PDB file of N, CA and C in Angstrom:
ATOM      1  N   MET A   1      58.005  85.486 -58.183  1.00  0.00           N
ATOM      2  CA  MET A   1      56.844  85.355 -57.319  1.00  0.00           C
ATOM      3  C   MET A   1      57.230  85.797 -55.907  1.00  0.00           C
ATOM      4  N   ALA A   2      56.432  86.659 -55.361  1.00  0.00           N
ATOM      5  CA  ALA A   2      56.733  87.201 -54.039  1.00  0.00           C
ATOM      6  C   ALA A   2      56.631  86.138 -52.950  1.00  0.00           C
ATOM      7  N   ASP A   3      55.615  85.316 -53.025  1.00  0.00           N
ATOM      8  CA  ASP A   3      55.398  84.287 -52.006  1.00  0.00           C
ATOM      9  C   ASP A   3      55.491  82.921 -52.671  1.00  0.00           C
ATOM     10  N   ASP A   4      56.696  82.390 -52.762  1.00  0.00           N
ATOM     11  CA  ASP A   4      56.935  81.148 -53.500  1.00  0.00           C
ATOM     12  C   ASP A   4      57.411  80.040 -52.566  1.00  0.00           C
ATOM     13  N   GLN A   5      56.622  79.767 -51.533  1.00  0.00           N
ATOM     14  CA  GLN A   5      56.996  78.746 -50.560  1.00  0.00           C
ATOM     15  C   GLN A   5      56.977  77.340 -51.146  1.00  0.00           C
ATOM     16  N   CYS A   6      56.267  77.152 -52.264  1.00  0.00           N
ATOM     17  CA  CYS A   6      56.138  75.807 -52.832  1.00  0.00           C
ATOM     18  C   CYS A   6      57.132  75.543 -53.956  1.00  0.00           C
ATOM     19  N   GLY A   7      57.839  76.565 -54.415  1.00  0.00           N
ATOM     20  CA  GLY A   7      58.794  76.379 -55.494  1.00  0.00           C
ATOM     21  C   GLY A   7      58.176  76.436 -56.888  1.00  0.00           C
ATOM     22  N   ALA A   8      57.012  77.057 -57.012  1.00  0.00           N
ATOM     23  CA  ALA A   8      56.325  77.137 -58.305  1.00  0.00           C
ATOM     24  C   ALA A   8      57.116  77.932 -59.332  1.00  0.00           C
ATOM     25  N   SER A   9      57.908  78.877 -58.895  1.00  0.00           N
ATOM     26  CA  SER A   9      58.659  79.704 -59.857  1.00  0.00           C
ATOM     27  C   SER A   9      59.618  78.856 -60.693  1.00  0.00           C
ATOM     28  N   ALA A  10      60.125  77.787 -60.130  1.00  0.00           N
ATOM     29  CA  ALA A  10      61.053  76.919 -60.858  1.00  0.00           C
ATOM     30  C   ALA A  10      60.352  76.134 -61.966  1.00  0.00           C
ATOM     31  N   LEU A  11      59.020  76.048 -61.917  1.00  0.00           N
ATOM     32  CA  LEU A  11      58.268  75.275 -62.900  1.00  0.00           C
ATOM     33  C   LEU A  11      57.509  76.146 -63.899  1.00  0.00           C
ATOM     34  N   GLN A  12      57.725  77.452 -63.884  1.00  0.00           N
ATOM     35  CA  GLN A  12      56.999  78.344 -64.791  1.00  0.00           C
ATOM     36  C   GLN A  12      57.268  78.031 -66.260  1.00  0.00           C
ATOM     37  N   GLY A  13      58.379  77.417 -66.560  1.00  0.00           N
ATOM     38  CA  GLY A  13      58.702  77.038 -67.929  1.00  0.00           C
ATOM     39  C   GLY A  13      57.762  75.982 -68.493  1.00  0.00           C
ATOM     40  N   LEU A  14      56.949  75.355 -67.634  1.00  0.00           N
ATOM     41  CA  LEU A  14      55.988  74.359 -68.087  1.00  0.00           C
ATOM     42  C   LEU A  14      54.746  74.992 -68.723  1.00  0.00           C
ATOM     43  N   VAL A  15      54.468  76.241 -68.391  1.00  0.00           N
ATOM     44  CA  VAL A  15      53.268  76.902 -68.906  1.00  0.00           C
ATOM     45  C   VAL A  15      53.345  76.949 -70.436  1.00  0.00           C
ATOM     46  N   GLY A  16      52.280  76.471 -71.072  1.00  0.00           N
ATOM     47  CA  GLY A  16      52.222  76.409 -72.534  1.00  0.00           C
ATOM     48  C   GLY A  16      52.661  75.082 -73.111  1.00  0.00           C
ATOM     49  N   LYS A  17      53.138  74.181 -72.260  1.00  0.00           N
ATOM     50  CA  LYS A  17      53.593  72.864 -72.721  1.00  0.00           C
ATOM     51  C   LYS A  17      52.537  71.803 -72.400  1.00  0.00           C
ATOM     52  N   PRO A  18      52.625  70.638 -73.040  1.00  0.00           N
ATOM     53  CA  PRO A  18      51.677  69.551 -72.747  1.00  0.00           C
ATOM     54  C   PRO A  18      51.851  69.036 -71.316  1.00  0.00           C
ATOM     55  N   ARG A  19      50.768  68.589 -70.731  1.00  0.00           N
ATOM     56  CA  ARG A  19      50.830  68.094 -69.338  1.00  0.00           C
ATOM     57  C   ARG A  19      51.735  66.878 -69.207  1.00  0.00           C
ATOM     58  N   THR A  20      52.019  66.197 -70.293  1.00  0.00           N
ATOM     59  CA  THR A  20      52.905  65.042 -70.246  1.00  0.00           C
ATOM     60  C   THR A  20      54.339  65.444 -69.889  1.00  0.00           C
ATOM     61  N   GLU A  21      54.650  66.727 -69.937  1.00  0.00           N
ATOM     62  CA  GLU A  21      55.989  67.205 -69.598  1.00  0.00           C
ATOM     63  C   GLU A  21      56.160  67.522 -68.114  1.00  0.00           C
ATOM     64  N   ILE A  22      55.108  67.338 -67.333  1.00  0.00           N
ATOM     65  CA  ILE A  22      55.203  67.598 -65.891  1.00  0.00           C
ATOM     66  C   ILE A  22      56.111  66.536 -65.276  1.00  0.00           C
ATOM     67  N   PRO A  23      57.183  66.950 -64.596  1.00  0.00           N
ATOM     68  CA  PRO A  23      58.085  65.966 -64.000  1.00  0.00           C
ATOM     69  C   PRO A  23      57.453  65.276 -62.788  1.00  0.00           C
ATOM     70  N   VAL A  24      57.870  64.066 -62.547  1.00  0.00           N
ATOM     71  CA  VAL A  24      57.400  63.329 -61.374  1.00  0.00           C
ATOM     72  C   VAL A  24      57.980  64.013 -60.132  1.00  0.00           C
ATOM     73  N   PRO A  25      57.133  64.387 -59.173  1.00  0.00           N
ATOM     74  CA  PRO A  25      57.621  65.093 -57.988  1.00  0.00           C
ATOM     75  C   PRO A  25      58.340  64.168 -57.008  1.00  0.00           C
ATOM     76  N   LEU A  26      59.281  64.721 -56.282  1.00  0.00           N
ATOM     77  CA  LEU A  26      59.950  63.961 -55.229  1.00  0.00           C
ATOM     78  C   LEU A  26      58.991  63.673 -54.088  1.00  0.00           C
ATOM     79  N   ASP A  27      58.092  64.624 -53.809  1.00  0.00           N
ATOM     80  CA  ASP A  27      57.105  64.471 -52.742  1.00  0.00           C
ATOM     81  C   ASP A  27      55.717  64.692 -53.343  1.00  0.00           C
ATOM     82  N   PRO A  28      55.034  63.627 -53.765  1.00  0.00           N
ATOM     83  CA  PRO A  28      53.738  63.769 -54.418  1.00  0.00           C
ATOM     84  C   PRO A  28      52.678  64.477 -53.573  1.00  0.00           C
ATOM     85  N   GLY A  29      52.835  64.446 -52.262  1.00  0.00           N
ATOM     86  CA  GLY A  29      51.884  65.113 -51.379  1.00  0.00           C
ATOM     87  C   GLY A  29      51.961  66.633 -51.443  1.00  0.00           C
ATOM     88  N   LYS A  30      52.981  67.141 -52.100  1.00  0.00           N
ATOM     89  CA  LYS A  30      53.150  68.593 -52.187  1.00  0.00           C
ATOM     90  C   LYS A  30      52.904  69.113 -53.599  1.00  0.00           C
ATOM     91  N   ARG A  31      52.229  68.328 -54.420  1.00  0.00           N
ATOM     92  CA  ARG A  31      51.885  68.776 -55.770  1.00  0.00           C
ATOM     93  C   ARG A  31      50.539  68.183 -56.148  1.00  0.00           C
ATOM     94  N   ARG A  32      49.730  69.017 -56.781  1.00  0.00           N
ATOM     95  CA  ARG A  32      48.504  68.484 -57.376  1.00  0.00           C
ATOM     96  C   ARG A  32      48.405  68.996 -58.803  1.00  0.00           C
ATOM     97  N   VAL A  33      47.921  68.129 -59.655  1.00  0.00           N
ATOM     98  CA  VAL A  33      47.749  68.438 -61.066  1.00  0.00           C
ATOM     99  C   VAL A  33      46.258  68.308 -61.342  1.00  0.00           C
ATOM    100  N   VAL A  34      45.661  69.395 -61.813  1.00  0.00           N
ATOM    101  CA  VAL A  34      44.217  69.416 -62.032  1.00  0.00           C
ATOM    102  C   VAL A  34      43.883  69.998 -63.398  1.00  0.00           C
ATOM    103  N   CYS A  35      42.752  69.579 -63.937  1.00  0.00           N
ATOM    104  CA  CYS A  35      42.320  70.144 -65.211  1.00  0.00           C
ATOM    105  C   CYS A  35      41.510  71.410 -64.951  1.00  0.00           C
ATOM    106  N   SER A  36      41.417  72.243 -65.960  1.00  0.00           N
ATOM    107  CA  SER A  36      40.769  73.544 -65.832  1.00  0.00           C
ATOM    108  C   SER A  36      39.272  73.448 -65.543  1.00  0.00           C
ATOM    109  N   SER A  37      38.651  72.326 -65.854  1.00  0.00           N
ATOM    110  CA  SER A  37      37.220  72.173 -65.585  1.00  0.00           C
ATOM    111  C   SER A  37      36.937  71.185 -64.449  1.00  0.00           C
ATOM    112  N   CYS A  38      37.970  70.703 -63.796  1.00  0.00           N
ATOM    113  CA  CYS A  38      37.809  69.740 -62.703  1.00  0.00           C
ATOM    114  C   CYS A  38      37.383  70.436 -61.410  1.00  0.00           C
ATOM    115  N   ILE A  39      36.663  69.727 -60.611  1.00  0.00           N
ATOM    116  CA  ILE A  39      36.289  70.221 -59.291  1.00  0.00           C
ATOM    117  C   ILE A  39      37.422  69.877 -58.336  1.00  0.00           C
ATOM    118  N   VAL A  40      37.897  70.872 -57.597  1.00  0.00           N
ATOM    119  CA  VAL A  40      38.978  70.659 -56.635  1.00  0.00           C
ATOM    120  C   VAL A  40      38.609  71.299 -55.303  1.00  0.00           C
ATOM    121  N   THR A  41      39.234  70.826 -54.246  1.00  0.00           N
ATOM    122  CA  THR A  41      39.028  71.446 -52.941  1.00  0.00           C
ATOM    123  C   THR A  41      39.635  72.842 -52.953  1.00  0.00           C
ATOM    124  N   GLN A  42      39.130  73.715 -52.132  1.00  0.00           N
ATOM    125  CA  GLN A  42      39.557  75.111 -52.138  1.00  0.00           C
ATOM    126  C   GLN A  42      40.506  75.472 -50.995  1.00  0.00           C
ATOM    127  N   GLU A  43      40.936  74.492 -50.204  1.00  0.00           N
ATOM    128  CA  GLU A  43      41.853  74.823 -49.114  1.00  0.00           C
ATOM    129  C   GLU A  43      43.192  75.280 -49.692  1.00  0.00           C
ATOM    130  N   TYR A  44      43.769  76.271 -49.065  1.00  0.00           N
ATOM    131  CA  TYR A  44      45.039  76.819 -49.547  1.00  0.00           C
ATOM    132  C   TYR A  44      46.175  76.232 -48.728  1.00  0.00           C
ATOM    133  N   ARG A  45      47.164  75.676 -49.408  1.00  0.00           N
ATOM    134  CA  ARG A  45      48.379  75.179 -48.756  1.00  0.00           C
ATOM    135  C   ARG A  45      49.556  75.849 -49.446  1.00  0.00           C
ATOM    136  N   SER A  46      50.226  76.729 -48.743  1.00  0.00           N
ATOM    137  CA  SER A  46      51.319  77.498 -49.343  1.00  0.00           C
ATOM    138  C   SER A  46      52.500  76.627 -49.749  1.00  0.00           C
ATOM    139  N   ASP A  47      52.585  75.411 -49.203  1.00  0.00           N
ATOM    140  CA  ASP A  47      53.707  74.523 -49.527  1.00  0.00           C
ATOM    141  C   ASP A  47      53.393  73.561 -50.674  1.00  0.00           C
ATOM    142  N   ARG A  48      52.205  73.672 -51.279  1.00  0.00           N
ATOM    143  CA  ARG A  48      51.799  72.743 -52.340  1.00  0.00           C
ATOM    144  C   ARG A  48      51.796  73.442 -53.705  1.00  0.00           C
ATOM    145  N   GLN A  49      52.380  72.786 -54.697  1.00  0.00           N
ATOM    146  CA  GLN A  49      52.329  73.276 -56.076  1.00  0.00           C
ATOM    147  C   GLN A  49      51.012  72.811 -56.692  1.00  0.00           C
ATOM    148  N   THR A  50      50.350  73.722 -57.385  1.00  0.00           N
ATOM    149  CA  THR A  50      49.137  73.374 -58.114  1.00  0.00           C
ATOM    150  C   THR A  50      49.378  73.680 -59.584  1.00  0.00           C
ATOM    151  N   ILE A  51      49.320  72.651 -60.393  1.00  0.00           N
ATOM    152  CA  ILE A  51      49.521  72.785 -61.836  1.00  0.00           C
ATOM    153  C   ILE A  51      48.170  72.569 -62.503  1.00  0.00           C
ATOM    154  N   VAL A  52      47.737  73.580 -63.275  1.00  0.00           N
ATOM    155  CA  VAL A  52      46.436  73.525 -63.936  1.00  0.00           C
ATOM    156  C   VAL A  52      46.647  73.391 -65.438  1.00  0.00           C
ATOM    157  N   PHE A  53      45.998  72.384 -66.039  1.00  0.00           N
ATOM    158  CA  PHE A  53      46.080  72.206 -67.487  1.00  0.00           C
ATOM    159  C   PHE A  53      44.684  72.314 -68.095  1.00  0.00           C
ATOM    160  N   ASN A  54      44.632  72.721 -69.348  1.00  0.00           N
ATOM    161  CA  ASN A  54      43.373  72.864 -70.068  1.00  0.00           C
ATOM    162  C   ASN A  54      42.782  71.484 -70.296  1.00  0.00           C
ATOM    163  N   SER A  55      41.526  71.315 -69.910  1.00  0.00           N
ATOM    164  CA  SER A  55      40.895  69.998 -70.001  1.00  0.00           C
ATOM    165  C   SER A  55      40.665  69.539 -71.437  1.00  0.00           C
ATOM    166  N   GLU A  56      40.623  70.460 -72.393  1.00  0.00           N
ATOM    167  CA  GLU A  56      40.401  70.084 -73.788  1.00  0.00           C
ATOM    168  C   GLU A  56      41.696  69.846 -74.547  1.00  0.00           C
ATOM    169  N   THR A  57      42.711  70.666 -74.274  1.00  0.00           N
ATOM    170  CA  THR A  57      43.952  70.578 -75.032  1.00  0.00           C
ATOM    171  C   THR A  57      45.084  69.850 -74.332  1.00  0.00           C
ATOM    172  N   GLY A  58      45.009  69.775 -72.993  1.00  0.00           N
ATOM    173  CA  GLY A  58      46.084  69.157 -72.225  1.00  0.00           C
ATOM    174  C   GLY A  58      47.284  70.078 -72.039  1.00  0.00           C
ATOM    175  N   ILE A  59      47.137  71.359 -72.407  1.00  0.00           N
ATOM    176  CA  ILE A  59      48.231  72.328 -72.275  1.00  0.00           C
ATOM    177  C   ILE A  59      48.195  72.959 -70.884  1.00  0.00           C
ATOM    178  N   ILE A  60      49.346  73.085 -70.268  1.00  0.00           N
ATOM    179  CA  ILE A  60      49.454  73.654 -68.925  1.00  0.00           C
ATOM    180  C   ILE A  60      49.166  75.151 -68.994  1.00  0.00           C
ATOM    181  N   GLU A  61      48.242  75.594 -68.134  1.00  0.00           N
ATOM    182  CA  GLU A  61      47.836  76.995 -68.100  1.00  0.00           C
ATOM    183  C   GLU A  61      48.503  77.781 -66.983  1.00  0.00           C
ATOM    184  N   SER A  62      48.773  77.131 -65.852  1.00  0.00           N
ATOM    185  CA  SER A  62      49.381  77.842 -64.735  1.00  0.00           C
ATOM    186  C   SER A  62      50.062  76.897 -63.768  1.00  0.00           C
ATOM    187  N   VAL A  63      51.028  77.450 -63.059  1.00  0.00           N
ATOM    188  CA  VAL A  63      51.730  76.753 -61.984  1.00  0.00           C
ATOM    189  C   VAL A  63      51.777  77.753 -60.830  1.00  0.00           C
ATOM    190  N   LYS A  64      51.198  77.370 -59.702  1.00  0.00           N
ATOM    191  CA  LYS A  64      51.132  78.290 -58.567  1.00  0.00           C
ATOM    192  C   LYS A  64      51.162  77.529 -57.252  1.00  0.00           C
ATOM    193  N   CYS A  65      51.328  78.258 -56.191  1.00  0.00           N
ATOM    194  CA  CYS A  65      51.251  77.667 -54.851  1.00  0.00           C
ATOM    195  C   CYS A  65      49.792  77.632 -54.443  1.00  0.00           C
ATOM    196  N   GLY A  66      49.450  76.646 -53.659  1.00  0.00           N
ATOM    197  CA  GLY A  66      48.077  76.584 -53.168  1.00  0.00           C
ATOM    198  C   GLY A  66      47.548  75.270 -53.111  1.00  0.00           C
TER     199      GLY A  66
END
């Protein structure tokens, strides 16, 4: 990832796994976990990890900064 200020590249191995495998963050304020059909705020924070899981299956779809 070209712009990986949040460290999302280290968590790419979670994609395709159940959301129960998401590790507890050291700083919860810098990570959000949301479902694919959930309403979330749209503000971008380059230092925050955003993990998106499928709301029906619970499988992680993406890990990105924002």
